[in-house]
Amino acid sequence: MANKPEVLVKKKVKEILVLLGAYYVMPVTSGFGRSGAPDFLVCLNGRFIGIECKAGNKRPTALQLDNLEQIEKCGGLSLVINEENVVHLVHYLKGAVNA
């Protein structure tokens, strides 16, 4: 299980968030959580960021997209990160939170 592509994307995202000194949580969406919440809820330099991780050609579900849109409507940032764009995450986050 630890070698599944999405797990590897999440691992890389964690490494980047630690490198940048971000606060983050990975919510558990069981009976008490919010269904469709992003994989990472992040605070970096006063900005709220939701990050949904995917692997391969997988796309966020409608519920996940709705949550990401709600974050944007409230002034936060929302990202969908996969194996291809994770390499750009540091630069994107640095630019987005300093804008």
C-alpha atoms as a PDB file:
ATOM      1  CA  MET A   1       0.000   0.000   0.000  1.00  0.00           C
ATOM      2  CA  ALA A   2       2.828   2.429   0.808  1.00  0.00           C
ATOM      3  CA  ASN A   3       3.991   2.338  -2.808  1.00  0.00           C
ATOM      4  CA  LYS A   4       0.679   3.401  -4.343  1.00  0.00           C
ATOM      5  CA  PRO A   5       1.190   6.469  -6.539  1.00  0.00           C
ATOM      6  CA  GLU A   6      -1.187   8.712  -4.553  1.00  0.00           C
ATOM      7  CA  VAL A   7       0.597   7.815  -1.315  1.00  0.00           C
ATOM      8  CA  LEU A   8       3.874   8.882  -2.944  1.00  0.00           C
ATOM      9  CA  VAL A   9       2.340  12.202  -4.031  1.00  0.00           C
ATOM     10  CA  LYS A  10       1.103  12.825  -0.474  1.00  0.00           C
ATOM     11  CA  LYS A  11       4.540  12.000   0.901  1.00  0.00           C
ATOM     12  CA  LYS A  12       6.172  14.536  -1.425  1.00  0.00           C
ATOM     13  CA  VAL A  13       3.562  17.193  -0.561  1.00  0.00           C
ATOM     14  CA  LYS A  14       4.274  16.625   3.165  1.00  0.00           C
ATOM     15  CA  GLU A  15       8.012  17.046   2.559  1.00  0.00           C
ATOM     16  CA  ILE A  16       7.417  20.330   0.738  1.00  0.00           C
ATOM     17  CA  LEU A  17       5.083  21.683   3.411  1.00  0.00           C
ATOM     18  CA  VAL A  18       7.632  20.855   6.125  1.00  0.00           C
ATOM     19  CA  LEU A  19      10.391  22.485   4.051  1.00  0.00           C
ATOM     20  CA  LEU A  20       8.336  25.678   3.777  1.00  0.00           C
ATOM     21  CA  GLY A  21       7.427  25.662   7.484  1.00  0.00           C
ATOM     22  CA  ALA A  22       3.703  25.402   6.787  1.00  0.00           C
ATOM     23  CA  TYR A  23       1.098  24.290   9.294  1.00  0.00           C
ATOM     24  CA  TYR A  24      -0.979  21.441   7.874  1.00  0.00           C
ATOM     25  CA  VAL A  25      -3.427  18.747   8.836  1.00  0.00           C
ATOM     26  CA  MET A  26      -4.688  15.752   6.933  1.00  0.00           C
ATOM     27  CA  PRO A  27      -8.347  15.504   7.920  1.00  0.00           C
ATOM     28  CA  VAL A  28      -9.976  12.144   8.473  1.00  0.00           C
ATOM     29  CA  THR A  29     -13.380  12.198   6.811  1.00  0.00           C
ATOM     30  CA  SER A  30     -15.166   9.618   8.887  1.00  0.00           C
ATOM     31  CA  GLY A  31     -18.520  10.127  10.554  1.00  0.00           C
ATOM     32  CA  PHE A  32     -17.378  13.326  12.273  1.00  0.00           C
ATOM     33  CA  GLY A  33     -15.331  14.827   9.427  1.00  0.00           C
ATOM     34  CA  ARG A  34     -16.441  16.716   6.350  1.00  0.00           C
ATOM     35  CA  SER A  35     -16.843  14.499   3.312  1.00  0.00           C
ATOM     36  CA  GLY A  36     -14.864  15.668   0.309  1.00  0.00           C
ATOM     37  CA  ALA A  37     -12.382  17.730   2.333  1.00  0.00           C
ATOM     38  CA  PRO A  38      -8.992  18.102   0.622  1.00  0.00           C
ATOM     39  CA  ASP A  39      -6.178  15.758   1.623  1.00  0.00           C
ATOM     40  CA  PHE A  40      -4.242  18.668   3.170  1.00  0.00           C
ATOM     41  CA  LEU A  41      -5.569  21.753   4.948  1.00  0.00           C
ATOM     42  CA  VAL A  42      -2.674  24.192   5.078  1.00  0.00           C
ATOM     43  CA  CYS A  43      -1.845  27.573   6.566  1.00  0.00           C
ATOM     44  CA  LEU A  44       1.234  29.239   5.087  1.00  0.00           C
ATOM     45  CA  ASN A  45       2.143  32.890   5.698  1.00  0.00           C
ATOM     46  CA  GLY A  46      -1.434  33.628   6.704  1.00  0.00           C
ATOM     47  CA  ARG A  47      -2.983  32.023   3.608  1.00  0.00           C
ATOM     48  CA  PHE A  48      -5.405  29.087   3.781  1.00  0.00           C
ATOM     49  CA  ILE A  49      -4.726  26.396   1.178  1.00  0.00           C
ATOM     50  CA  GLY A  50      -6.562  23.160   0.394  1.00  0.00           C
ATOM     51  CA  ILE A  51      -4.534  20.528  -1.461  1.00  0.00           C
ATOM     52  CA  GLU A  52      -6.137  17.477  -3.050  1.00  0.00           C
ATOM     53  CA  CYS A  53      -3.701  14.765  -4.173  1.00  0.00           C
ATOM     54  CA  LYS A  54      -4.335  12.512  -7.135  1.00  0.00           C
ATOM     55  CA  ALA A  55      -2.308   9.993  -9.096  1.00  0.00           C
ATOM     56  CA  GLY A  56      -2.228   9.101 -12.751  1.00  0.00           C
ATOM     57  CA  ASN A  57      -5.236  10.292 -14.697  1.00  0.00           C
ATOM     58  CA  LYS A  58      -7.537  10.374 -11.659  1.00  0.00           C
ATOM     59  CA  ARG A  59      -9.567  13.532 -11.132  1.00  0.00           C
ATOM     60  CA  PRO A  60     -11.234  14.963  -8.027  1.00  0.00           C
ATOM     61  CA  THR A  61     -14.800  13.830  -7.402  1.00  0.00           C
ATOM     62  CA  ALA A  62     -17.679  16.291  -7.668  1.00  0.00           C
ATOM     63  CA  LEU A  63     -17.767  16.544  -3.863  1.00  0.00           C
ATOM     64  CA  GLN A  64     -14.019  17.220  -3.703  1.00  0.00           C
ATOM     65  CA  LEU A  65     -14.336  19.885  -6.407  1.00  0.00           C
ATOM     66  CA  ASP A  66     -17.178  21.488  -4.470  1.00  0.00           C
ATOM     67  CA  ASN A  67     -14.986  21.704  -1.362  1.00  0.00           C
ATOM     68  CA  LEU A  68     -12.099  23.187  -3.358  1.00  0.00           C
ATOM     69  CA  GLU A  69     -14.466  25.762  -4.894  1.00  0.00           C
ATOM     70  CA  GLN A  70     -15.784  26.711  -1.439  1.00  0.00           C
ATOM     71  CA  ILE A  71     -12.209  27.341  -0.276  1.00  0.00           C
ATOM     72  CA  GLU A  72     -11.641  29.633  -3.279  1.00  0.00           C
ATOM     73  CA  LYS A  73     -14.922  31.494  -2.656  1.00  0.00           C
ATOM     74  CA  CYS A  74     -13.768  32.215   0.903  1.00  0.00           C
ATOM     75  CA  GLY A  75     -10.486  33.694  -0.324  1.00  0.00           C
ATOM     76  CA  GLY A  76      -8.294  30.631   0.104  1.00  0.00           C
ATOM     77  CA  LEU A  77      -6.244  28.773  -2.462  1.00  0.00           C
ATOM     78  CA  SER A  78      -7.064  25.304  -3.729  1.00  0.00           C
ATOM     79  CA  LEU A  79      -4.769  22.969  -5.609  1.00  0.00           C
ATOM     80  CA  VAL A  80      -4.954  19.548  -7.194  1.00  0.00           C
ATOM     81  CA  ILE A  81      -1.499  17.985  -7.128  1.00  0.00           C
ATOM     82  CA  ASN A  82      -0.290  14.858  -8.926  1.00  0.00           C
ATOM     83  CA  GLU A  83       3.033  13.232  -9.862  1.00  0.00           C
ATOM     84  CA  GLU A  84       3.537  15.623 -12.760  1.00  0.00           C
ATOM     85  CA  ASN A  85       2.947  18.969 -11.055  1.00  0.00           C
ATOM     86  CA  VAL A  86       4.241  18.200  -7.540  1.00  0.00           C
ATOM     87  CA  VAL A  87       7.712  19.340  -8.659  1.00  0.00           C
ATOM     88  CA  HIS A  88       6.308  22.871  -9.099  1.00  0.00           C
ATOM     89  CA  LEU A  89       4.562  23.013  -5.714  1.00  0.00           C
ATOM     90  CA  VAL A  90       7.348  24.866  -3.840  1.00  0.00           C
ATOM     91  CA  HIS A  91       7.522  27.621  -6.437  1.00  0.00           C
ATOM     92  CA  TYR A  92       3.752  27.906  -6.720  1.00  0.00           C
ATOM     93  CA  LEU A  93       3.217  28.137  -2.969  1.00  0.00           C
ATOM     94  CA  LYS A  94       6.000  30.686  -2.512  1.00  0.00           C
ATOM     95  CA  GLY A  95       4.531  32.850  -5.279  1.00  0.00           C
ATOM     96  CA  ALA A  96       0.918  32.471  -4.211  1.00  0.00           C
ATOM     97  CA  VAL A  97       1.407  33.321  -0.548  1.00  0.00           C
ATOM     98  CA  ASN A  98       3.614  36.301  -1.301  1.00  0.00           C
ATOM     99  CA  ALA A  99       1.241  37.808  -3.847  1.00  0.00           C
END
